Amino acid sequence: MGGAGDASSPKHQPVAGPAPAAATVVGGGVSIALDSSMTAIVTKDISDPLSLKFEVTYQGVGWFGIGVSSDGTMDSNGQGSDLIVCEQNNVVKRYWSKDKSKPTNGIVVQGATCVTSSGKSTMTFSRTVQAATGSAQQRTINSNGATHFIHASHTTSKTLIYHSKRG
């Protein structure tokens, strides 16, 4: 996973590596074009004003995910990136990745959904803007500055294996 976008405004800050994702304002949120096959719509979660709701659409049937990184890389230069992935059996899990290898020990995201139909997959989940107090395994989403969103996917495998696309 690696790349960038900004959930707080249509502007974003460039990062080293792949080009930043294009973001546009839509309705009450922001649409982030992560690449040609993946888009995220980020809105305020009306049931919790301290959270954001994500709807990530992937034009494919394999696993896919989005994450928050400090620098646009999968591992945040060894400091860890916060990843949400739709994988086998359409289960949505949250991972903490401190290196460039397959993440392990994912935690099922309560209330999240992932549906695959007619070659398209959609994952929805909510998460707090701030990292949980005392958590060393979550990244804050900056509401007043750039947030580096990263993404990765595999075209056909729902089993979490090496990505076929990332950004």
Foldseek 3Di string as FASTA:
>chain_A
DFAFDAWQAQDADAFPDDGHWGWDDDDQTIWTPQDPFKIWTWHQDPVDNQKIKIKMKGQADAKKKKWWEPGGDCQNQQQWIWMWMQFPPRFIWIFTHRDPAQTDDTDTAPPWGWDDDPRMIIIMHMDGQPDPVPDSRYHHRDNPHIIGMKMFTDHYHRHRDDTPDID
